[in-house]
Amino acid sequence: MTRLTAEFWVQAYLARLRFQEIPAFVVAHGDDTAGAVLVKLNTLDGQAVAYQREYNLMTGERAWSELASGAEMDVDAAIARQRGFDPDLWVIEVEDRQGRHLLRDEGLE
């Protein structure tokens, strides 16, 4: 199975968000081919959630899981720690008062 590059996935994700009129932007540009992606959902009320993609070795499935949630400053600190471990990491910030991020939609899981 061919794997998508990180840059291709990020661009497709941003396009899907734009189509739904959900503002989003790249906070950190990671490695174009193999960088991992974190998605920060900012609900514009001082709260945020950061999602990371995990790989299940037993089933071979990939799924989005919560890395951190709570006050936006705390979520930003968790993301900064992750970037300290992985300089190739992409960070996408989604801003939506309704909490929409589309990560569980078909094609993005």
PDB file of N, CA and C in Angstrom:
ATOM      1  N   MET A   1       0.835  -1.178   0.000  1.00  0.00           N
ATOM      2  CA  MET A   1       0.000   0.000   0.000  1.00  0.00           C
ATOM      3  C   MET A   1       0.885   1.249   0.000  1.00  0.00           C
ATOM      4  N   THR A   2       0.593   2.179  -0.875  1.00  0.00           N
ATOM      5  CA  THR A   2       1.344   3.414  -0.966  1.00  0.00           C
ATOM      6  C   THR A   2       0.929   4.349   0.158  1.00  0.00           C
ATOM      7  N   ARG A   3       1.927   4.956   0.773  1.00  0.00           N
ATOM      8  CA  ARG A   3       1.669   5.879   1.863  1.00  0.00           C
ATOM      9  C   ARG A   3       1.722   7.314   1.356  1.00  0.00           C
ATOM     10  N   LEU A   4       0.793   8.144   1.802  1.00  0.00           N
ATOM     11  CA  LEU A   4       0.786   9.548   1.423  1.00  0.00           C
ATOM     12  C   LEU A   4       1.906  10.282   2.143  1.00  0.00           C
ATOM     13  N   THR A   5       2.462  11.287   1.496  1.00  0.00           N
ATOM     14  CA  THR A   5       3.443  12.113   2.191  1.00  0.00           C
ATOM     15  C   THR A   5       2.713  12.994   3.194  1.00  0.00           C
ATOM     16  N   ALA A   6       3.432  13.434   4.199  1.00  0.00           N
ATOM     17  CA  ALA A   6       2.838  14.293   5.220  1.00  0.00           C
ATOM     18  C   ALA A   6       2.319  15.587   4.596  1.00  0.00           C
ATOM     19  N   GLU A   7       3.092  16.170   3.705  1.00  0.00           N
ATOM     20  CA  GLU A   7       2.677  17.428   3.083  1.00  0.00           C
ATOM     21  C   GLU A   7       1.382  17.255   2.281  1.00  0.00           C
ATOM     22  N   PHE A   8       1.266  16.174   1.541  1.00  0.00           N
ATOM     23  CA  PHE A   8       0.058  15.906   0.762  1.00  0.00           C
ATOM     24  C   PHE A   8      -1.151  15.774   1.686  1.00  0.00           C
ATOM     25  N   TRP A   9      -0.991  15.014   2.787  1.00  0.00           N
ATOM     26  CA  TRP A   9      -2.098  14.825   3.728  1.00  0.00           C
ATOM     27  C   TRP A   9      -2.497  16.161   4.344  1.00  0.00           C
ATOM     28  N   VAL A  10      -1.518  16.967   4.750  1.00  0.00           N
ATOM     29  CA  VAL A  10      -1.817  18.269   5.362  1.00  0.00           C
ATOM     30  C   VAL A  10      -2.571  19.154   4.384  1.00  0.00           C
ATOM     31  N   GLN A  11      -2.129  19.215   3.146  1.00  0.00           N
ATOM     32  CA  GLN A  11      -2.808  20.057   2.160  1.00  0.00           C
ATOM     33  C   GLN A  11      -4.240  19.574   1.904  1.00  0.00           C
ATOM     34  N   ALA A  12      -4.436  18.272   1.834  1.00  0.00           N
ATOM     35  CA  ALA A  12      -5.785  17.722   1.646  1.00  0.00           C
ATOM     36  C   ALA A  12      -6.672  18.025   2.854  1.00  0.00           C
ATOM     37  N   TYR A  13      -6.117  17.906   4.054  1.00  0.00           N
ATOM     38  CA  TYR A  13      -6.864  18.203   5.280  1.00  0.00           C
ATOM     39  C   TYR A  13      -7.275  19.676   5.313  1.00  0.00           C
ATOM     40  N   LEU A  14      -6.335  20.575   5.016  1.00  0.00           N
ATOM     41  CA  LEU A  14      -6.654  22.005   5.007  1.00  0.00           C
ATOM     42  C   LEU A  14      -7.730  22.328   3.970  1.00  0.00           C
ATOM     43  N   ALA A  15      -7.668  21.678   2.824  1.00  0.00           N
ATOM     44  CA  ALA A  15      -8.685  21.897   1.784  1.00  0.00           C
ATOM     45  C   ALA A  15     -10.055  21.436   2.265  1.00  0.00           C
ATOM     46  N   ARG A  16     -10.101  20.294   2.933  1.00  0.00           N
ATOM     47  CA  ARG A  16     -11.379  19.785   3.439  1.00  0.00           C
ATOM     48  C   ARG A  16     -11.951  20.737   4.495  1.00  0.00           C
ATOM     49  N   LEU A  17     -11.092  21.267   5.350  1.00  0.00           N
ATOM     50  CA  LEU A  17     -11.540  22.231   6.358  1.00  0.00           C
ATOM     51  C   LEU A  17     -12.054  23.504   5.692  1.00  0.00           C
ATOM     52  N   ARG A  18     -11.338  24.005   4.690  1.00  0.00           N
ATOM     53  CA  ARG A  18     -11.789  25.208   3.971  1.00  0.00           C
ATOM     54  C   ARG A  18     -13.158  24.980   3.343  1.00  0.00           C
ATOM     55  N   PHE A  19     -13.372  23.794   2.785  1.00  0.00           N
ATOM     56  CA  PHE A  19     -14.646  23.471   2.156  1.00  0.00           C
ATOM     57  C   PHE A  19     -15.795  23.562   3.168  1.00  0.00           C
ATOM     58  N   GLN A  20     -15.511  23.235   4.425  1.00  0.00           N
ATOM     59  CA  GLN A  20     -16.516  23.312   5.490  1.00  0.00           C
ATOM     60  C   GLN A  20     -16.494  24.675   6.203  1.00  0.00           C
ATOM     61  N   GLU A  21     -15.685  25.604   5.679  1.00  0.00           N
ATOM     62  CA  GLU A  21     -15.540  26.949   6.233  1.00  0.00           C
ATOM     63  C   GLU A  21     -15.060  26.925   7.680  1.00  0.00           C
ATOM     64  N   ILE A  22     -14.093  26.046   7.944  1.00  0.00           N
ATOM     65  CA  ILE A  22     -13.464  25.937   9.258  1.00  0.00           C
ATOM     66  C   ILE A  22     -12.046  26.491   9.118  1.00  0.00           C
ATOM     67  N   PRO A  23     -11.744  27.589   9.804  1.00  0.00           N
ATOM     68  CA  PRO A  23     -10.398  28.171   9.694  1.00  0.00           C
ATOM     69  C   PRO A  23      -9.326  27.238  10.257  1.00  0.00           C
ATOM     70  N   ALA A  24      -8.213  27.147   9.545  1.00  0.00           N
ATOM     71  CA  ALA A  24      -7.085  26.323   9.987  1.00  0.00           C
ATOM     72  C   ALA A  24      -5.822  26.828   9.315  1.00  0.00           C
ATOM     73  N   PHE A  25      -4.691  26.619   9.991  1.00  0.00           N
ATOM     74  CA  PHE A  25      -3.429  27.045   9.429  1.00  0.00           C
ATOM     75  C   PHE A  25      -2.296  26.193   9.973  1.00  0.00           C
ATOM     76  N   VAL A  26      -1.181  26.224   9.265  1.00  0.00           N
ATOM     77  CA  VAL A  26       0.007  25.468   9.661  1.00  0.00           C
ATOM     78  C   VAL A  26       0.788  26.309  10.664  1.00  0.00           C
ATOM     79  N   VAL A  27       0.967  25.770  11.871  1.00  0.00           N
ATOM     80  CA  VAL A  27       1.736  26.442  12.915  1.00  0.00           C
ATOM     81  C   VAL A  27       3.202  26.052  12.813  1.00  0.00           C
ATOM     82  N   ALA A  28       3.455  24.789  12.490  1.00  0.00           N
ATOM     83  CA  ALA A  28       4.820  24.288  12.339  1.00  0.00           C
ATOM     84  C   ALA A  28       4.868  23.387  11.116  1.00  0.00           C
ATOM     85  N   HIS A  29       5.779  23.686  10.213  1.00  0.00           N
ATOM     86  CA  HIS A  29       5.938  22.911   8.984  1.00  0.00           C
ATOM     87  C   HIS A  29       6.973  21.825   9.246  1.00  0.00           C
ATOM     88  N   GLY A  30       6.525  20.590   9.261  1.00  0.00           N
ATOM     89  CA  GLY A  30       7.413  19.461   9.520  1.00  0.00           C
ATOM     90  C   GLY A  30       8.049  18.927   8.254  1.00  0.00           C
ATOM     91  N   ASP A  31       8.587  17.733   8.353  1.00  0.00           N
ATOM     92  CA  ASP A  31       9.202  17.069   7.208  1.00  0.00           C
ATOM     93  C   ASP A  31       8.135  16.794   6.152  1.00  0.00           C
ATOM     94  N   ASP A  32       8.423  17.147   4.910  1.00  0.00           N
ATOM     95  CA  ASP A  32       7.435  17.015   3.837  1.00  0.00           C
ATOM     96  C   ASP A  32       7.024  15.580   3.555  1.00  0.00           C
ATOM     97  N   THR A  33       7.930  14.642   3.735  1.00  0.00           N
ATOM     98  CA  THR A  33       7.609  13.269   3.352  1.00  0.00           C
ATOM     99  C   THR A  33       7.156  12.405   4.518  1.00  0.00           C
ATOM    100  N   ALA A  34       7.817  12.495   5.645  1.00  0.00           N
ATOM    101  CA  ALA A  34       7.534  11.529   6.710  1.00  0.00           C
ATOM    102  C   ALA A  34       7.251  12.163   8.056  1.00  0.00           C
ATOM    103  N   GLY A  35       7.001  13.448   8.112  1.00  0.00           N
ATOM    104  CA  GLY A  35       6.741  14.091   9.397  1.00  0.00           C
ATOM    105  C   GLY A  35       5.412  13.656   9.981  1.00  0.00           C
ATOM    106  N   ALA A  36       5.381  13.502  11.301  1.00  0.00           N
ATOM    107  CA  ALA A  36       4.127  13.223  12.000  1.00  0.00           C
ATOM    108  C   ALA A  36       3.310  14.517  12.052  1.00  0.00           C
ATOM    109  N   VAL A  37       2.001  14.392  12.286  1.00  0.00           N
ATOM    110  CA  VAL A  37       1.115  15.550  12.303  1.00  0.00           C
ATOM    111  C   VAL A  37       0.366  15.595  13.627  1.00  0.00           C
ATOM    112  N   LEU A  38       0.364  16.777  14.267  1.00  0.00           N
ATOM    113  CA  LEU A  38      -0.483  17.055  15.420  1.00  0.00           C
ATOM    114  C   LEU A  38      -1.527  18.066  14.971  1.00  0.00           C
ATOM    115  N   VAL A  39      -2.748  17.901  15.462  1.00  0.00           N
ATOM    116  CA  VAL A  39      -3.811  18.847  15.156  1.00  0.00           C
ATOM    117  C   VAL A  39      -4.282  19.449  16.479  1.00  0.00           C
ATOM    118  N   LYS A  40      -4.205  20.763  16.555  1.00  0.00           N
ATOM    119  CA  LYS A  40      -4.694  21.479  17.737  1.00  0.00           C
ATOM    120  C   LYS A  40      -6.048  22.076  17.390  1.00  0.00           C
ATOM    121  N   LEU A  41      -7.051  21.727  18.166  1.00  0.00           N
ATOM    122  CA  LEU A  41      -8.383  22.301  18.005  1.00  0.00           C
ATOM    123  C   LEU A  41      -8.546  23.403  19.044  1.00  0.00           C
ATOM    124  N   ASN A  42      -8.655  24.631  18.588  1.00  0.00           N
ATOM    125  CA  ASN A  42      -8.840  25.796  19.450  1.00  0.00           C
ATOM    126  C   ASN A  42     -10.307  26.188  19.360  1.00  0.00           C
ATOM    127  N   THR A  43     -11.025  26.101  20.479  1.00  0.00           N
ATOM    128  CA  THR A  43     -12.454  26.420  20.478  1.00  0.00           C
ATOM    129  C   THR A  43     -12.713  27.900  20.774  1.00  0.00           C
ATOM    130  N   LEU A  44     -11.655  28.692  20.825  1.00  0.00           N
ATOM    131  CA  LEU A  44     -11.736  30.145  20.949  1.00  0.00           C
ATOM    132  C   LEU A  44     -12.391  30.616  22.249  1.00  0.00           C
ATOM    133  N   ASP A  45     -12.351  29.763  23.267  1.00  0.00           N
ATOM    134  CA  ASP A  45     -12.871  30.129  24.584  1.00  0.00           C
ATOM    135  C   ASP A  45     -11.818  29.902  25.668  1.00  0.00           C
ATOM    136  N   GLY A  46     -10.558  29.855  25.241  1.00  0.00           N
ATOM    137  CA  GLY A  46      -9.468  29.604  26.174  1.00  0.00           C
ATOM    138  C   GLY A  46      -9.146  28.134  26.351  1.00  0.00           C
ATOM    139  N   GLN A  47      -9.905  27.263  25.684  1.00  0.00           N
ATOM    140  CA  GLN A  47      -9.711  25.818  25.771  1.00  0.00           C
ATOM    141  C   GLN A  47      -9.214  25.274  24.436  1.00  0.00           C
ATOM    142  N   ALA A  48      -8.539  24.149  24.497  1.00  0.00           N
ATOM    143  CA  ALA A  48      -8.025  23.530  23.279  1.00  0.00           C
ATOM    144  C   ALA A  48      -7.827  22.033  23.511  1.00  0.00           C
ATOM    145  N   VAL A  49      -7.702  21.306  22.419  1.00  0.00           N
ATOM    146  CA  VAL A  49      -7.403  19.877  22.440  1.00  0.00           C
ATOM    147  C   VAL A  49      -6.370  19.616  21.357  1.00  0.00           C
ATOM    148  N   ALA A  50      -5.364  18.817  21.676  1.00  0.00           N
ATOM    149  CA  ALA A  50      -4.366  18.418  20.686  1.00  0.00           C
ATOM    150  C   ALA A  50      -4.555  16.939  20.382  1.00  0.00           C
ATOM    151  N   TYR A  51      -4.572  16.612  19.102  1.00  0.00           N
ATOM    152  CA  TYR A  51      -4.747  15.233  18.652  1.00  0.00           C
ATOM    153  C   TYR A  51      -3.479  14.764  17.950  1.00  0.00           C
ATOM    154  N   GLN A  52      -3.153  13.484  18.168  1.00  0.00           N
ATOM    155  CA  GLN A  52      -2.024  12.870  17.482  1.00  0.00           C
ATOM    156  C   GLN A  52      -2.496  11.568  16.852  1.00  0.00           C
ATOM    157  N   ARG A  53      -1.787  11.145  15.847  1.00  0.00           N
ATOM    158  CA  ARG A  53      -2.134   9.905  15.158  1.00  0.00           C
ATOM    159  C   ARG A  53      -1.336   8.767  15.774  1.00  0.00           C
ATOM    160  N   GLU A  54      -2.022   7.708  16.145  1.00  0.00           N
ATOM    161  CA  GLU A  54      -1.359   6.550  16.740  1.00  0.00           C
ATOM    162  C   GLU A  54      -1.532   5.343  15.836  1.00  0.00           C
ATOM    163  N   TYR A  55      -0.548   4.474  15.888  1.00  0.00           N
ATOM    164  CA  TYR A  55      -0.551   3.245  15.106  1.00  0.00           C
ATOM    165  C   TYR A  55      -0.692   2.070  16.060  1.00  0.00           C
ATOM    166  N   ASN A  56      -1.680   1.215  15.812  1.00  0.00           N
ATOM    167  CA  ASN A  56      -1.904   0.030  16.624  1.00  0.00           C
ATOM    168  C   ASN A  56      -1.122  -1.133  16.013  1.00  0.00           C
ATOM    169  N   LEU A  57      -0.090  -1.582  16.704  1.00  0.00           N
ATOM    170  CA  LEU A  57       0.751  -2.671  16.178  1.00  0.00           C
ATOM    171  C   LEU A  57      -0.008  -3.984  16.032  1.00  0.00           C
ATOM    172  N   MET A  58      -0.988  -4.201  16.878  1.00  0.00           N
ATOM    173  CA  MET A  58      -1.744  -5.456  16.832  1.00  0.00           C
ATOM    174  C   MET A  58      -2.685  -5.530  15.627  1.00  0.00           C
ATOM    175  N   THR A  59      -3.345  -4.413  15.319  1.00  0.00           N
ATOM    176  CA  THR A  59      -4.335  -4.436  14.242  1.00  0.00           C
ATOM    177  C   THR A  59      -3.852  -3.779  12.957  1.00  0.00           C
ATOM    178  N   GLY A  60      -2.792  -2.978  13.057  1.00  0.00           N
ATOM    179  CA  GLY A  60      -2.308  -2.257  11.898  1.00  0.00           C
ATOM    180  C   GLY A  60      -3.108  -1.008  11.576  1.00  0.00           C
ATOM    181  N   GLU A  61      -4.049  -0.660  12.450  1.00  0.00           N
ATOM    182  CA  GLU A  61      -4.896   0.509  12.217  1.00  0.00           C
ATOM    183  C   GLU A  61      -4.245   1.772  12.754  1.00  0.00           C
ATOM    184  N   ARG A  62      -4.578   2.870  12.115  1.00  0.00           N
ATOM    185  CA  ARG A  62      -4.170   4.187  12.593  1.00  0.00           C
ATOM    186  C   ARG A  62      -5.414   4.904  13.086  1.00  0.00           C
ATOM    187  N   ALA A  63      -5.287   5.628  14.201  1.00  0.00           N
ATOM    188  CA  ALA A  63      -6.429   6.349  14.752  1.00  0.00           C
ATOM    189  C   ALA A  63      -5.934   7.623  15.430  1.00  0.00           C
ATOM    190  N   TRP A  64      -6.790   8.620  15.468  1.00  0.00           N
ATOM    191  CA  TRP A  64      -6.479   9.870  16.152  1.00  0.00           C
ATOM    192  C   TRP A  64      -6.811   9.726  17.625  1.00  0.00           C
ATOM    193  N   SER A  65      -5.895  10.142  18.471  1.00  0.00           N
ATOM    194  CA  SER A  65      -6.129  10.102  19.917  1.00  0.00           C
ATOM    195  C   SER A  65      -5.773  11.459  20.503  1.00  0.00           C
ATOM    196  N   GLU A  66      -6.302  11.703  21.674  1.00  0.00           N
ATOM    197  CA  GLU A  66      -6.076  12.969  22.351  1.00  0.00           C
ATOM    198  C   GLU A  66      -4.703  12.970  23.017  1.00  0.00           C
ATOM    199  N   LEU A  67      -3.896  13.946  22.699  1.00  0.00           N
ATOM    200  CA  LEU A  67      -2.590  14.117  23.330  1.00  0.00           C
ATOM    201  C   LEU A  67      -2.725  14.954  24.590  1.00  0.00           C
ATOM    202  N   ALA A  68      -3.489  16.038  24.508  1.00  0.00           N
ATOM    203  CA  ALA A  68      -3.680  16.936  25.648  1.00  0.00           C
ATOM    204  C   ALA A  68      -4.967  17.716  25.444  1.00  0.00           C
ATOM    205  N   SER A  69      -5.590  18.109  26.551  1.00  0.00           N
ATOM    206  CA  SER A  69      -6.776  18.960  26.470  1.00  0.00           C
ATOM    207  C   SER A  69      -6.844  19.822  27.723  1.00  0.00           C
ATOM    208  N   GLY A  70      -7.553  20.920  27.599  1.00  0.00           N
ATOM    209  CA  GLY A  70      -7.701  21.832  28.731  1.00  0.00           C
ATOM    210  C   GLY A  70      -7.414  23.252  28.310  1.00  0.00           C
ATOM    211  N   ALA A  71      -6.815  24.014  29.229  1.00  0.00           N
ATOM    212  CA  ALA A  71      -6.485  25.404  28.940  1.00  0.00           C
ATOM    213  C   ALA A  71      -5.539  25.464  27.739  1.00  0.00           C
ATOM    214  N   GLU A  72      -5.773  26.431  26.863  1.00  0.00           N
ATOM    215  CA  GLU A  72      -4.976  26.525  25.645  1.00  0.00           C
ATOM    216  C   GLU A  72      -3.479  26.621  25.951  1.00  0.00           C
ATOM    217  N   MET A  73      -3.111  27.345  26.990  1.00  0.00           N
ATOM    218  CA  MET A  73      -1.688  27.461  27.346  1.00  0.00           C
ATOM    219  C   MET A  73      -1.089  26.102  27.685  1.00  0.00           C
ATOM    220  N   ASP A  74      -1.842  25.243  28.373  1.00  0.00           N
ATOM    221  CA  ASP A  74      -1.353  23.914  28.725  1.00  0.00           C
ATOM    222  C   ASP A  74      -1.211  23.032  27.491  1.00  0.00           C
ATOM    223  N   VAL A  75      -2.153  23.139  26.583  1.00  0.00           N
ATOM    224  CA  VAL A  75      -2.090  22.360  25.337  1.00  0.00           C
ATOM    225  C   VAL A  75      -0.902  22.830  24.503  1.00  0.00           C
ATOM    226  N   ASP A  76      -0.696  24.138  24.440  1.00  0.00           N
ATOM    227  CA  ASP A  76       0.461  24.665  23.710  1.00  0.00           C
ATOM    228  C   ASP A  76       1.769  24.158  24.313  1.00  0.00           C
ATOM    229  N   ALA A  77       1.831  24.058  25.637  1.00  0.00           N
ATOM    230  CA  ALA A  77       3.042  23.545  26.300  1.00  0.00           C
ATOM    231  C   ALA A  77       3.273  22.081  25.936  1.00  0.00           C
ATOM    232  N   ALA A  78       2.205  21.285  25.878  1.00  0.00           N
ATOM    233  CA  ALA A  78       2.333  19.868  25.502  1.00  0.00           C
ATOM    234  C   ALA A  78       2.820  19.741  24.063  1.00  0.00           C
ATOM    235  N   ILE A  79       2.327  20.598  23.191  1.00  0.00           N
ATOM    236  CA  ILE A  79       2.759  20.581  21.794  1.00  0.00           C
ATOM    237  C   ILE A  79       4.229  20.984  21.700  1.00  0.00           C
ATOM    238  N   ALA A  80       4.630  21.987  22.464  1.00  0.00           N
ATOM    239  CA  ALA A  80       6.035  22.424  22.461  1.00  0.00           C
ATOM    240  C   ALA A  80       6.951  21.300  22.923  1.00  0.00           C
ATOM    241  N   ARG A  81       6.514  20.528  23.916  1.00  0.00           N
ATOM    242  CA  ARG A  81       7.319  19.377  24.370  1.00  0.00           C
ATOM    243  C   ARG A  81       7.464  18.356  23.246  1.00  0.00           C
ATOM    244  N   GLN A  82       6.384  18.073  22.548  1.00  0.00           N
ATOM    245  CA  GLN A  82       6.430  17.121  21.432  1.00  0.00           C
ATOM    246  C   GLN A  82       7.366  17.617  20.340  1.00  0.00           C
ATOM    247  N   ARG A  83       7.318  18.914  20.047  1.00  0.00           N
ATOM    248  CA  ARG A  83       8.205  19.479  19.025  1.00  0.00           C
ATOM    249  C   ARG A  83       9.655  19.404  19.470  1.00  0.00           C
ATOM    250  N   GLY A  84       9.895  19.450  20.794  1.00  0.00           N
ATOM    251  CA  GLY A  84      11.254  19.305  21.297  1.00  0.00           C
ATOM    252  C   GLY A  84      11.809  17.914  21.032  1.00  0.00           C
ATOM    253  N   PHE A  85      10.924  16.892  21.066  1.00  0.00           N
ATOM    254  CA  PHE A  85      11.330  15.514  20.788  1.00  0.00           C
ATOM    255  C   PHE A  85      11.441  15.257  19.295  1.00  0.00           C
ATOM    256  N   ASP A  86      10.590  15.925  18.513  1.00  0.00           N
ATOM    257  CA  ASP A  86      10.474  15.623  17.087  1.00  0.00           C
ATOM    258  C   ASP A  86      10.451  16.909  16.261  1.00  0.00           C
ATOM    259  N   PRO A  87      11.612  17.361  15.784  1.00  0.00           N
ATOM    260  CA  PRO A  87      11.641  18.601  15.003  1.00  0.00           C
ATOM    261  C   PRO A  87      10.969  18.475  13.627  1.00  0.00           C
ATOM    262  N   ASP A  88      10.666  17.260  13.183  1.00  0.00           N
ATOM    263  CA  ASP A  88      10.001  17.040  11.895  1.00  0.00           C
ATOM    264  C   ASP A  88       8.478  17.077  12.008  1.00  0.00           C
ATOM    265  N   LEU A  89       7.970  17.424  13.172  1.00  0.00           N
ATOM    266  CA  LEU A  89       6.538  17.396  13.468  1.00  0.00           C
ATOM    267  C   LEU A  89       5.798  18.563  12.811  1.00  0.00           C
ATOM    268  N   TRP A  90       4.679  18.250  12.166  1.00  0.00           N
ATOM    269  CA  TRP A  90       3.757  19.265  11.658  1.00  0.00           C
ATOM    270  C   TRP A  90       2.776  19.599  12.780  1.00  0.00           C
ATOM    271  N   VAL A  91       2.383  20.861  12.883  1.00  0.00           N
ATOM    272  CA  VAL A  91       1.318  21.259  13.808  1.00  0.00           C
ATOM    273  C   VAL A  91       0.320  22.094  13.019  1.00  0.00           C
ATOM    274  N   ILE A  92      -0.919  21.626  13.025  1.00  0.00           N
ATOM    275  CA  ILE A  92      -2.017  22.315  12.354  1.00  0.00           C
ATOM    276  C   ILE A  92      -2.957  22.835  13.433  1.00  0.00           C
ATOM    277  N   GLU A  93      -3.310  24.121  13.370  1.00  0.00           N
ATOM    278  CA  GLU A  93      -4.274  24.670  14.319  1.00  0.00           C
ATOM    279  C   GLU A  93      -5.592  24.896  13.615  1.00  0.00           C
ATOM    280  N   VAL A  94      -6.645  24.337  14.197  1.00  0.00           N
ATOM    281  CA  VAL A  94      -8.009  24.478  13.700  1.00  0.00           C
ATOM    282  C   VAL A  94      -8.743  25.356  14.699  1.00  0.00           C
ATOM    283  N   GLU A  95      -9.449  26.374  14.214  1.00  0.00           N
ATOM    284  CA  GLU A  95     -10.197  27.269  15.094  1.00  0.00           C
ATOM    285  C   GLU A  95     -11.679  27.110  14.796  1.00  0.00           C
ATOM    286  N   ASP A  96     -12.402  26.570  15.773  1.00  0.00           N
ATOM    287  CA  ASP A  96     -13.831  26.355  15.567  1.00  0.00           C
ATOM    288  C   ASP A  96     -14.552  26.341  16.907  1.00  0.00           C
ATOM    289  N   ARG A  97     -15.454  27.271  17.100  1.00  0.00           N
ATOM    290  CA  ARG A  97     -16.222  27.354  18.352  1.00  0.00           C
ATOM    291  C   ARG A  97     -17.079  26.113  18.595  1.00  0.00           C
ATOM    292  N   GLN A  98     -17.480  25.439  17.521  1.00  0.00           N
ATOM    293  CA  GLN A  98     -18.319  24.243  17.639  1.00  0.00           C
ATOM    294  C   GLN A  98     -17.509  22.983  17.918  1.00  0.00           C
ATOM    295  N   GLY A  99     -16.188  23.080  17.870  1.00  0.00           N
ATOM    296  CA  GLY A  99     -15.337  21.930  18.154  1.00  0.00           C
ATOM    297  C   GLY A  99     -15.176  20.974  16.987  1.00  0.00           C
ATOM    298  N   ARG A 100     -15.428  21.442  15.770  1.00  0.00           N
ATOM    299  CA  ARG A 100     -15.283  20.577  14.590  1.00  0.00           C
ATOM    300  C   ARG A 100     -13.820  20.505  14.171  1.00  0.00           C
ATOM    301  N   HIS A 101     -13.354  19.281  13.897  1.00  0.00           N
ATOM    302  CA  HIS A 101     -11.988  19.095  13.403  1.00  0.00           C
ATOM    303  C   HIS A 101     -11.942  18.122  12.230  1.00  0.00           C
ATOM    304  N   LEU A 102     -13.003  17.374  12.010  1.00  0.00           N
ATOM    305  CA  LEU A 102     -13.174  16.449  10.872  1.00  0.00           C
ATOM    306  C   LEU A 102     -12.239  15.241  10.890  1.00  0.00           C
ATOM    307  N   LEU A 103     -11.454  15.054  11.936  1.00  0.00           N
ATOM    308  CA  LEU A 103     -10.489  13.955  11.945  1.00  0.00           C
ATOM    309  C   LEU A 103     -11.120  12.571  11.926  1.00  0.00           C
ATOM    310  N   ARG A 104     -12.353  12.483  12.330  1.00  0.00           N
ATOM    311  CA  ARG A 104     -13.026  11.184  12.325  1.00  0.00           C
ATOM    312  C   ARG A 104     -13.834  10.948  11.051  1.00  0.00           C
ATOM    313  N   ASP A 105     -13.768  11.903  10.127  1.00  0.00           N
ATOM    314  CA  ASP A 105     -14.464  11.752   8.855  1.00  0.00           C
ATOM    315  C   ASP A 105     -13.752  10.722   7.982  1.00  0.00           C
ATOM    316  N   GLU A 106     -14.498  10.112   7.080  1.00  0.00           N
ATOM    317  CA  GLU A 106     -13.929   9.121   6.176  1.00  0.00           C
ATOM    318  C   GLU A 106     -12.775   9.736   5.396  1.00  0.00           C
ATOM    319  N   GLY A 107     -11.705   8.983   5.288  1.00  0.00           N
ATOM    320  CA  GLY A 107     -10.534   9.437   4.570  1.00  0.00           C
ATOM    321  C   GLY A 107      -9.505  10.131   5.432  1.00  0.00           C
ATOM    322  N   LEU A 108      -9.893  10.573   6.615  1.00  0.00           N
ATOM    323  CA  LEU A 108      -8.957  11.238   7.513  1.00  0.00           C
ATOM    324  C   LEU A 108      -8.588  10.386   8.703  1.00  0.00           C
ATOM    325  N   GLU A 109      -9.356   9.343   8.964  1.00  0.00           N
ATOM    326  CA  GLU A 109      -9.056   8.470  10.100  1.00  0.00           C
ATOM    327  C   GLU A 109      -7.832   7.731   9.845  1.00  0.00           C
TER     328      GLU A 109
END
